[in-house]
Amino acid sequence: MIEKSLAIAVLTICVVMMARLLLGVRLRMKVDAFTRRTWQRIRGGANSLVHRRASRKTAEQLADEAIRRARGEGSWEGNVYKPKSFKRPPRDKLH
């Protein structure tokens, strides 16, 4: 079954390419441009679907991480927030 479908696909491609060779130069250029634009639209649409889902997940993860860090440890001095991650570690005076 797979061999037959593969043979049909190859035969179809060969017939399309032979028909393309029978066209004139200008018409062939137009057909090629149309085919290229159509393929780019299909590929772009598929890419946008894949990347939209992935970027949405990454954005949600980054937002959750930022919220978690913002709720984390720190202190307020007036209207200034000082997170504990900004505190320097003690200097090592072994030298």
PDB file of N, CA and C in Angstrom:
ATOM      1  N   MET A   1       0.824  -1.193   0.000  1.00  0.00           N
ATOM      2  CA  MET A   1       0.000   0.000   0.000  1.00  0.00           C
ATOM      3  C   MET A   1       0.868   1.257   0.000  1.00  0.00           C
ATOM      4  N   ILE A   2       1.908   1.252   0.852  1.00  0.00           N
ATOM      5  CA  ILE A   2       2.785   2.420   0.934  1.00  0.00           C
ATOM      6  C   ILE A   2       3.530   2.615  -0.377  1.00  0.00           C
ATOM      7  N   GLU A   3       3.942   1.497  -1.002  1.00  0.00           N
ATOM      8  CA  GLU A   3       4.683   1.596  -2.265  1.00  0.00           C
ATOM      9  C   GLU A   3       3.823   2.230  -3.356  1.00  0.00           C
ATOM     10  N   LYS A   4       2.557   1.859  -3.383  1.00  0.00           N
ATOM     11  CA  LYS A   4       1.660   2.403  -4.409  1.00  0.00           C
ATOM     12  C   LYS A   4       1.428   3.901  -4.189  1.00  0.00           C
ATOM     13  N   SER A   5       1.208   4.298  -2.956  1.00  0.00           N
ATOM     14  CA  SER A   5       0.972   5.720  -2.691  1.00  0.00           C
ATOM     15  C   SER A   5       2.232   6.540  -2.962  1.00  0.00           C
ATOM     16  N   LEU A   6       3.405   5.993  -2.650  1.00  0.00           N
ATOM     17  CA  LEU A   6       4.658   6.681  -2.962  1.00  0.00           C
ATOM     18  C   LEU A   6       4.850   6.805  -4.476  1.00  0.00           C
ATOM     19  N   ALA A   7       4.535   5.745  -5.213  1.00  0.00           N
ATOM     20  CA  ALA A   7       4.651   5.782  -6.669  1.00  0.00           C
ATOM     21  C   ALA A   7       3.680   6.803  -7.266  1.00  0.00           C
ATOM     22  N   ILE A   8       2.474   6.888  -6.743  1.00  0.00           N
ATOM     23  CA  ILE A   8       1.494   7.856  -7.229  1.00  0.00           C
ATOM     24  C   ILE A   8       1.976   9.276  -6.949  1.00  0.00           C
ATOM     25  N   ALA A   9       2.550   9.507  -5.766  1.00  0.00           N
ATOM     26  CA  ALA A   9       3.065  10.845  -5.421  1.00  0.00           C
ATOM     27  C   ALA A   9       4.201  11.242  -6.356  1.00  0.00           C
ATOM     28  N   VAL A  10       5.128  10.329  -6.631  1.00  0.00           N
ATOM     29  CA  VAL A  10       6.252  10.628  -7.524  1.00  0.00           C
ATOM     30  C   VAL A  10       5.746  10.873  -8.942  1.00  0.00           C
ATOM     31  N   LEU A  11       4.805  10.073  -9.413  1.00  0.00           N
ATOM     32  CA  LEU A  11       4.240  10.257 -10.749  1.00  0.00           C
ATOM     33  C   LEU A  11       3.536  11.608 -10.858  1.00  0.00           C
ATOM     34  N   THR A  12       2.804  11.994  -9.829  1.00  0.00           N
ATOM     35  CA  THR A  12       2.115  13.286  -9.834  1.00  0.00           C
ATOM     36  C   THR A  12       3.113  14.435  -9.908  1.00  0.00           C
ATOM     37  N   ILE A  13       4.180  14.348  -9.123  1.00  0.00           N
ATOM     38  CA  ILE A  13       5.205  15.390  -9.146  1.00  0.00           C
ATOM     39  C   ILE A  13       5.848  15.474 -10.528  1.00  0.00           C
ATOM     40  N   CYS A  14       6.131  14.325 -11.134  1.00  0.00           N
ATOM     41  CA  CYS A  14       6.741  14.319 -12.471  1.00  0.00           C
ATOM     42  C   CYS A  14       5.805  14.933 -13.512  1.00  0.00           C
ATOM     43  N   VAL A  15       4.527  14.625 -13.445  1.00  0.00           N
ATOM     44  CA  VAL A  15       3.564  15.177 -14.410  1.00  0.00           C
ATOM     45  C   VAL A  15       3.448  16.689 -14.241  1.00  0.00           C
ATOM     46  N   VAL A  16       3.407  17.161 -12.991  1.00  0.00           N
ATOM     47  CA  VAL A  16       3.314  18.601 -12.747  1.00  0.00           C
ATOM     48  C   VAL A  16       4.557  19.312 -13.265  1.00  0.00           C
ATOM     49  N   MET A  17       5.726  18.734 -13.029  1.00  0.00           N
ATOM     50  CA  MET A  17       6.964  19.377 -13.492  1.00  0.00           C
ATOM     51  C   MET A  17       7.066  19.352 -15.025  1.00  0.00           C
ATOM     52  N   MET A  18       6.555  18.304 -15.657  1.00  0.00           N
ATOM     53  CA  MET A  18       6.562  18.240 -17.125  1.00  0.00           C
ATOM     54  C   MET A  18       5.603  19.290 -17.691  1.00  0.00           C
ATOM     55  N   ALA A  19       4.435  19.432 -17.075  1.00  0.00           N
ATOM     56  CA  ALA A  19       3.489  20.454 -17.522  1.00  0.00           C
ATOM     57  C   ALA A  19       4.087  21.844 -17.338  1.00  0.00           C
ATOM     58  N   ARG A  20       4.848  22.050 -16.287  1.00  0.00           N
ATOM     59  CA  ARG A  20       5.509  23.336 -16.051  1.00  0.00           C
ATOM     60  C   ARG A  20       6.506  23.639 -17.158  1.00  0.00           C
ATOM     61  N   LEU A  21       7.214  22.627 -17.625  1.00  0.00           N
ATOM     62  CA  LEU A  21       8.193  22.834 -18.703  1.00  0.00           C
ATOM     63  C   LEU A  21       7.515  23.182 -20.028  1.00  0.00           C
ATOM     64  N   LEU A  22       6.269  22.751 -20.187  1.00  0.00           N
ATOM     65  CA  LEU A  22       5.561  23.039 -21.431  1.00  0.00           C
ATOM     66  C   LEU A  22       5.023  24.470 -21.484  1.00  0.00           C
ATOM     67  N   LEU A  23       4.995  25.171 -20.355  1.00  0.00           N
ATOM     68  CA  LEU A  23       4.502  26.547 -20.318  1.00  0.00           C
ATOM     69  C   LEU A  23       5.534  27.490 -20.912  1.00  0.00           C
ATOM     70  N   GLY A  24       5.087  28.652 -21.312  1.00  0.00           N
ATOM     71  CA  GLY A  24       6.010  29.682 -21.773  1.00  0.00           C
ATOM     72  C   GLY A  24       6.786  30.267 -20.592  1.00  0.00           C
ATOM     73  N   VAL A  25       7.789  31.064 -20.905  1.00  0.00           N
ATOM     74  CA  VAL A  25       8.666  31.597 -19.863  1.00  0.00           C
ATOM     75  C   VAL A  25       7.889  32.504 -18.903  1.00  0.00           C
ATOM     76  N   ARG A  26       7.118  33.436 -19.442  1.00  0.00           N
ATOM     77  CA  ARG A  26       6.391  34.374 -18.576  1.00  0.00           C
ATOM     78  C   ARG A  26       5.355  33.677 -17.708  1.00  0.00           C
ATOM     79  N   LEU A  27       4.609  32.771 -18.312  1.00  0.00           N
ATOM     80  CA  LEU A  27       3.593  32.044 -17.553  1.00  0.00           C
ATOM     81  C   LEU A  27       4.254  31.142 -16.501  1.00  0.00           C
ATOM     82  N   ARG A  28       5.400  30.550 -16.861  1.00  0.00           N
ATOM     83  CA  ARG A  28       6.122  29.722 -15.899  1.00  0.00           C
ATOM     84  C   ARG A  28       6.590  30.555 -14.709  1.00  0.00           C
ATOM     85  N   MET A  29       7.051  31.778 -14.967  1.00  0.00           N
ATOM     86  CA  MET A  29       7.484  32.658 -13.878  1.00  0.00           C
ATOM     87  C   MET A  29       6.309  33.020 -12.972  1.00  0.00           C
ATOM     88  N   LYS A  30       5.144  33.279 -13.577  1.00  0.00           N
ATOM     89  CA  LYS A  30       3.956  33.600 -12.791  1.00  0.00           C
ATOM     90  C   LYS A  30       3.520  32.410 -11.937  1.00  0.00           C
ATOM     91  N   VAL A  31       3.522  31.228 -12.545  1.00  0.00           N
ATOM     92  CA  VAL A  31       3.131  30.018 -11.808  1.00  0.00           C
ATOM     93  C   VAL A  31       4.119  29.760 -10.676  1.00  0.00           C
ATOM     94  N   ASP A  32       5.408  29.929 -10.946  1.00  0.00           N
ATOM     95  CA  ASP A  32       6.418  29.728  -9.896  1.00  0.00           C
ATOM     96  C   ASP A  32       6.237  30.719  -8.753  1.00  0.00           C
ATOM     97  N   ALA A  33       5.968  31.971  -9.077  1.00  0.00           N
ATOM     98  CA  ALA A  33       5.765  32.985  -8.040  1.00  0.00           C
ATOM     99  C   ALA A  33       4.523  32.660  -7.217  1.00  0.00           C
ATOM    100  N   PHE A  34       3.448  32.262  -7.878  1.00  0.00           N
ATOM    101  CA  PHE A  34       2.223  31.893  -7.175  1.00  0.00           C
ATOM    102  C   PHE A  34       2.464  30.703  -6.254  1.00  0.00           C
ATOM    103  N   THR A  35       3.175  29.701  -6.748  1.00  0.00           N
ATOM    104  CA  THR A  35       3.468  28.511  -5.955  1.00  0.00           C
ATOM    105  C   THR A  35       4.330  28.874  -4.753  1.00  0.00           C
ATOM    106  N   ARG A  36       5.318  29.719  -4.961  1.00  0.00           N
ATOM    107  CA  ARG A  36       6.207  30.133  -3.875  1.00  0.00           C
ATOM    108  C   ARG A  36       5.430  30.906  -2.800  1.00  0.00           C
ATOM    109  N   ARG A  37       4.562  31.854  -3.235  1.00  0.00           N
ATOM    110  CA  ARG A  37       3.766  32.626  -2.271  1.00  0.00           C
ATOM    111  C   ARG A  37       2.825  31.721  -1.481  1.00  0.00           C
ATOM    112  N   THR A  38       2.196  30.785  -2.165  1.00  0.00           N
ATOM    113  CA  THR A  38       1.271  29.873  -1.503  1.00  0.00           C
ATOM    114  C   THR A  38       2.004  29.016  -0.478  1.00  0.00           C
ATOM    115  N   TRP A  39       3.175  28.500  -0.857  1.00  0.00           N
ATOM    116  CA  TRP A  39       3.948  27.670   0.062  1.00  0.00           C
ATOM    117  C   TRP A  39       4.400  28.480   1.275  1.00  0.00           C
ATOM    118  N   GLN A  40       4.816  29.721   1.067  1.00  0.00           N
ATOM    119  CA  GLN A  40       5.251  30.561   2.180  1.00  0.00           C
ATOM    120  C   GLN A  40       4.090  30.874   3.127  1.00  0.00           C
ATOM    121  N   ARG A  41       2.898  31.086   2.596  1.00  0.00           N
ATOM    122  CA  ARG A  41       1.731  31.331   3.442  1.00  0.00           C
ATOM    123  C   ARG A  41       1.389  30.106   4.275  1.00  0.00           C
ATOM    124  N   ILE A  42       1.432  28.935   3.650  1.00  0.00           N
ATOM    125  CA  ILE A  42       1.128  27.699   4.376  1.00  0.00           C
ATOM    126  C   ILE A  42       2.167  27.479   5.476  1.00  0.00           C
ATOM    127  N   ARG A  43       3.444  27.624   5.116  1.00  0.00           N
ATOM    128  CA  ARG A  43       4.516  27.409   6.088  1.00  0.00           C
ATOM    129  C   ARG A  43       4.471  28.454   7.201  1.00  0.00           C
ATOM    130  N   GLY A  44       4.199  29.708   6.836  1.00  0.00           N
ATOM    131  CA  GLY A  44       4.110  30.764   7.841  1.00  0.00           C
ATOM    132  C   GLY A  44       2.954  30.557   8.801  1.00  0.00           C
ATOM    133  N   GLY A  45       1.815  30.111   8.269  1.00  0.00           N
ATOM    134  CA  GLY A  45       0.669  29.832   9.124  1.00  0.00           C
ATOM    135  C   GLY A  45       0.948  28.698  10.094  1.00  0.00           C
ATOM    136  N   ALA A  46       1.593  27.653   9.611  1.00  0.00           N
ATOM    137  CA  ALA A  46       1.929  26.528  10.487  1.00  0.00           C
ATOM    138  C   ALA A  46       2.938  26.970  11.545  1.00  0.00           C
ATOM    139  N   ASN A  47       3.936  27.751  11.148  1.00  0.00           N
ATOM    140  CA  ASN A  47       4.934  28.232  12.105  1.00  0.00           C
ATOM    141  C   ASN A  47       4.312  29.134  13.157  1.00  0.00           C
ATOM    142  N   SER A  48       3.403  29.995  12.742  1.00  0.00           N
ATOM    143  CA  SER A  48       2.788  30.909  13.708  1.00  0.00           C
ATOM    144  C   SER A  48       1.935  30.146  14.715  1.00  0.00           C
ATOM    145  N   LEU A  49       1.269  29.080  14.282  1.00  0.00           N
ATOM    146  CA  LEU A  49       0.489  28.273  15.217  1.00  0.00           C
ATOM    147  C   LEU A  49       1.392  27.600  16.243  1.00  0.00           C
ATOM    148  N   VAL A  50       2.486  27.043  15.766  1.00  0.00           N
ATOM    149  CA  VAL A  50       3.400  26.342  16.673  1.00  0.00           C
ATOM    150  C   VAL A  50       4.046  27.330  17.630  1.00  0.00           C
ATOM    151  N   HIS A  51       4.558  28.439  17.114  1.00  0.00           N
ATOM    152  CA  HIS A  51       5.275  29.385  17.952  1.00  0.00           C
ATOM    153  C   HIS A  51       4.339  30.180  18.856  1.00  0.00           C
ATOM    154  N   ARG A  52       3.114  30.401  18.437  1.00  0.00           N
ATOM    155  CA  ARG A  52       2.168  31.122  19.277  1.00  0.00           C
ATOM    156  C   ARG A  52       1.892  30.325  20.545  1.00  0.00           C
ATOM    157  N   ARG A  53       1.713  29.022  20.372  1.00  0.00           N
ATOM    158  CA  ARG A  53       1.456  28.181  21.537  1.00  0.00           C
ATOM    159  C   ARG A  53       2.677  28.148  22.443  1.00  0.00           C
ATOM    160  N   ALA A  54       3.849  28.001  21.850  1.00  0.00           N
ATOM    161  CA  ALA A  54       5.068  27.916  22.649  1.00  0.00           C
ATOM    162  C   ALA A  54       5.357  29.242  23.340  1.00  0.00           C
ATOM    163  N   SER A  55       5.178  30.357  22.625  1.00  0.00           N
ATOM    164  CA  SER A  55       5.475  31.644  23.236  1.00  0.00           C
ATOM    165  C   SER A  55       4.452  31.982  24.321  1.00  0.00           C
ATOM    166  N   ARG A  56       3.232  31.541  24.161  1.00  0.00           N
ATOM    167  CA  ARG A  56       2.219  31.784  25.190  1.00  0.00           C
ATOM    168  C   ARG A  56       2.582  31.040  26.475  1.00  0.00           C
ATOM    169  N   LYS A  57       3.055  29.804  26.319  1.00  0.00           N
ATOM    170  CA  LYS A  57       3.457  29.038  27.499  1.00  0.00           C
ATOM    171  C   LYS A  57       4.666  29.682  28.161  1.00  0.00           C
ATOM    172  N   THR A  58       5.632  30.107  27.361  1.00  0.00           N
ATOM    173  CA  THR A  58       6.832  30.735  27.937  1.00  0.00           C
ATOM    174  C   THR A  58       6.464  32.031  28.629  1.00  0.00           C
ATOM    175  N   ALA A  59       5.579  32.807  28.040  1.00  0.00           N
ATOM    176  CA  ALA A  59       5.172  34.074  28.655  1.00  0.00           C
ATOM    177  C   ALA A  59       4.475  33.818  29.992  1.00  0.00           C
ATOM    178  N   GLU A  60       3.626  32.794  30.036  1.00  0.00           N
ATOM    179  CA  GLU A  60       2.955  32.471  31.293  1.00  0.00           C
ATOM    180  C   GLU A  60       3.964  32.037  32.356  1.00  0.00           C
ATOM    181  N   GLN A  61       4.942  31.236  31.947  1.00  0.00           N
ATOM    182  CA  GLN A  61       5.959  30.788  32.900  1.00  0.00           C
ATOM    183  C   GLN A  61       6.791  31.959  33.398  1.00  0.00           C
ATOM    184  N   LEU A  62       7.180  32.864  32.505  1.00  0.00           N
ATOM    185  CA  LEU A  62       7.967  34.017  32.906  1.00  0.00           C
ATOM    186  C   LEU A  62       7.176  34.941  33.826  1.00  0.00           C
ATOM    187  N   ALA A  63       5.891  35.115  33.536  1.00  0.00           N
ATOM    188  CA  ALA A  63       5.056  35.962  34.385  1.00  0.00           C
ATOM    189  C   ALA A  63       4.890  35.340  35.777  1.00  0.00           C
ATOM    190  N   ASP A  64       4.666  34.029  35.824  1.00  0.00           N
ATOM    191  CA  ASP A  64       4.543  33.360  37.118  1.00  0.00           C
ATOM    192  C   ASP A  64       5.833  33.469  37.922  1.00  0.00           C
ATOM    193  N   GLU A  65       6.967  33.329  37.239  1.00  0.00           N
ATOM    194  CA  GLU A  65       8.260  33.456  37.913  1.00  0.00           C
ATOM    195  C   GLU A  65       8.467  34.867  38.450  1.00  0.00           C
ATOM    196  N   ALA A  66       8.106  35.886  37.666  1.00  0.00           N
ATOM    197  CA  ALA A  66       8.257  37.274  38.108  1.00  0.00           C
ATOM    198  C   ALA A  66       7.343  37.568  39.297  1.00  0.00           C
ATOM    199  N   ILE A  67       6.125  37.052  39.259  1.00  0.00           N
ATOM    200  CA  ILE A  67       5.194  37.255  40.371  1.00  0.00           C
ATOM    201  C   ILE A  67       5.723  36.573  41.633  1.00  0.00           C
ATOM    202  N   ARG A  68       6.254  35.369  41.462  1.00  0.00           N
ATOM    203  CA  ARG A  68       6.793  34.644  42.610  1.00  0.00           C
ATOM    204  C   ARG A  68       7.979  35.403  43.224  1.00  0.00           C
ATOM    205  N   ARG A  69       8.864  35.926  42.371  1.00  0.00           N
ATOM    206  CA  ARG A  69      10.000  36.686  42.882  1.00  0.00           C
ATOM    207  C   ARG A  69       9.550  37.986  43.549  1.00  0.00           C
ATOM    208  N   ALA A  70       8.512  38.617  42.991  1.00  0.00           N
ATOM    209  CA  ALA A  70       8.032  39.875  43.560  1.00  0.00           C
ATOM    210  C   ALA A  70       7.395  39.658  44.929  1.00  0.00           C
ATOM    211  N   ARG A  71       6.756  38.535  45.120  1.00  0.00           N
ATOM    212  CA  ARG A  71       6.135  38.233  46.408  1.00  0.00           C
ATOM    213  C   ARG A  71       7.160  37.741  47.418  1.00  0.00           C
ATOM    214  N   GLY A  72       8.345  37.461  46.954  1.00  0.00           N
ATOM    215  CA  GLY A  72       9.380  36.868  47.788  1.00  0.00           C
ATOM    216  C   GLY A  72       9.881  37.772  48.887  1.00  0.00           C
ATOM    217  N   GLU A  73      11.070  37.476  49.344  1.00  0.00           N
ATOM    218  CA  GLU A  73      11.635  38.143  50.496  1.00  0.00           C
ATOM    219  C   GLU A  73      12.141  39.528  50.133  1.00  0.00           C
ATOM    220  N   GLY A  74      12.052  40.406  51.097  1.00  0.00           N
ATOM    221  CA  GLY A  74      12.527  41.757  50.920  1.00  0.00           C
ATOM    222  C   GLY A  74      11.914  42.651  51.979  1.00  0.00           C
ATOM    223  N   SER A  75      12.331  43.894  51.959  1.00  0.00           N
ATOM    224  CA  SER A  75      11.804  44.814  52.964  1.00  0.00           C
ATOM    225  C   SER A  75      11.506  46.158  52.320  1.00  0.00           C
ATOM    226  N   TRP A  76      10.570  46.852  52.922  1.00  0.00           N
ATOM    227  CA  TRP A  76      10.210  48.178  52.472  1.00  0.00           C
ATOM    228  C   TRP A  76      10.823  49.205  53.432  1.00  0.00           C
ATOM    229  N   GLU A  77      11.497  50.191  52.870  1.00  0.00           N
ATOM    230  CA  GLU A  77      11.997  51.327  53.657  1.00  0.00           C
ATOM    231  C   GLU A  77      11.351  52.572  53.081  1.00  0.00           C
ATOM    232  N   GLY A  78      10.255  52.970  53.681  1.00  0.00           N
ATOM    233  CA  GLY A  78       9.483  54.073  53.114  1.00  0.00           C
ATOM    234  C   GLY A  78       8.759  53.569  51.890  1.00  0.00           C
ATOM    235  N   ASN A  79       9.019  54.199  50.749  1.00  0.00           N
ATOM    236  CA  ASN A  79       8.403  53.731  49.510  1.00  0.00           C
ATOM    237  C   ASN A  79       9.408  52.998  48.624  1.00  0.00           C
ATOM    238  N   VAL A  80      10.528  52.566  49.208  1.00  0.00           N
ATOM    239  CA  VAL A  80      11.573  51.850  48.468  1.00  0.00           C
ATOM    240  C   VAL A  80      11.566  50.389  48.888  1.00  0.00           C
ATOM    241  N   TYR A  81      11.492  49.504  47.900  1.00  0.00           N
ATOM    242  CA  TYR A  81      11.516  48.062  48.160  1.00  0.00           C
ATOM    243  C   TYR A  81      12.936  47.572  47.934  1.00  0.00           C
ATOM    244  N   LYS A  82      13.497  46.880  48.913  1.00  0.00           N
ATOM    245  CA  LYS A  82      14.853  46.349  48.803  1.00  0.00           C
ATOM    246  C   LYS A  82      14.802  44.829  48.953  1.00  0.00           C
ATOM    247  N   PRO A  83      14.949  44.114  47.829  1.00  0.00           N
ATOM    248  CA  PRO A  83      14.936  42.656  47.929  1.00  0.00           C
ATOM    249  C   PRO A  83      16.210  42.152  48.593  1.00  0.00           C
ATOM    250  N   LYS A  84      16.113  40.986  49.217  1.00  0.00           N
ATOM    251  CA  LYS A  84      17.266  40.425  49.887  1.00  0.00           C
ATOM    252  C   LYS A  84      18.338  39.976  48.898  1.00  0.00           C
ATOM    253  N   SER A  85      17.945  39.751  47.654  1.00  0.00           N
ATOM    254  CA  SER A  85      18.928  39.322  46.656  1.00  0.00           C
ATOM    255  C   SER A  85      19.919  40.433  46.343  1.00  0.00           C
ATOM    256  N   PHE A  86      19.610  41.685  46.695  1.00  0.00           N
ATOM    257  CA  PHE A  86      20.532  42.787  46.460  1.00  0.00           C
ATOM    258  C   PHE A  86      21.582  42.922  47.557  1.00  0.00           C
ATOM    259  N   LYS A  87      21.364  42.241  48.670  1.00  0.00           N
ATOM    260  CA  LYS A  87      22.329  42.343  49.759  1.00  0.00           C
ATOM    261  C   LYS A  87      23.614  41.624  49.376  1.00  0.00           C
ATOM    262  N   ARG A  88      24.723  42.238  49.668  1.00  0.00           N
ATOM    263  CA  ARG A  88      26.009  41.640  49.336  1.00  0.00           C
ATOM    264  C   ARG A  88      26.341  40.549  50.351  1.00  0.00           C
ATOM    265  N   PRO A  89      27.036  39.518  49.891  1.00  0.00           N
ATOM    266  CA  PRO A  89      27.459  38.491  50.849  1.00  0.00           C
ATOM    267  C   PRO A  89      28.588  39.048  51.722  1.00  0.00           C
ATOM    268  N   PRO A  90      28.747  38.526  52.912  1.00  0.00           N
ATOM    269  CA  PRO A  90      29.821  39.054  53.773  1.00  0.00           C
ATOM    270  C   PRO A  90      31.185  38.809  53.135  1.00  0.00           C
ATOM    271  N   ARG A  91      32.086  39.753  53.347  1.00  0.00           N
ATOM    272  CA  ARG A  91      33.418  39.617  52.767  1.00  0.00           C
ATOM    273  C   ARG A  91      34.205  38.568  53.533  1.00  0.00           C
ATOM    274  N   ASP A  92      34.955  37.823  52.780  1.00  0.00           N
ATOM    275  CA  ASP A  92      35.783  36.795  53.372  1.00  0.00           C
ATOM    276  C   ASP A  92      37.141  37.390  53.691  1.00  0.00           C
ATOM    277  N   LYS A  93      37.480  37.526  54.967  1.00  0.00           N
ATOM    278  CA  LYS A  93      38.719  38.194  55.366  1.00  0.00           C
ATOM    279  C   LYS A  93      39.774  37.190  55.824  1.00  0.00           C
ATOM    280  N   LEU A  94      39.960  36.142  55.039  1.00  0.00           N
ATOM    281  CA  LEU A  94      40.968  35.151  55.388  1.00  0.00           C
ATOM    282  C   LEU A  94      42.358  35.566  54.913  1.00  0.00           C
ATOM    283  N   HIS A  95      42.477  36.542  54.085  1.00  0.00           N
ATOM    284  CA  HIS A  95      43.773  36.934  53.542  1.00  0.00           C
ATOM    285  C   HIS A  95      44.517  37.804  54.521  1.00  0.00           C
TER     286      HIS A  95
END
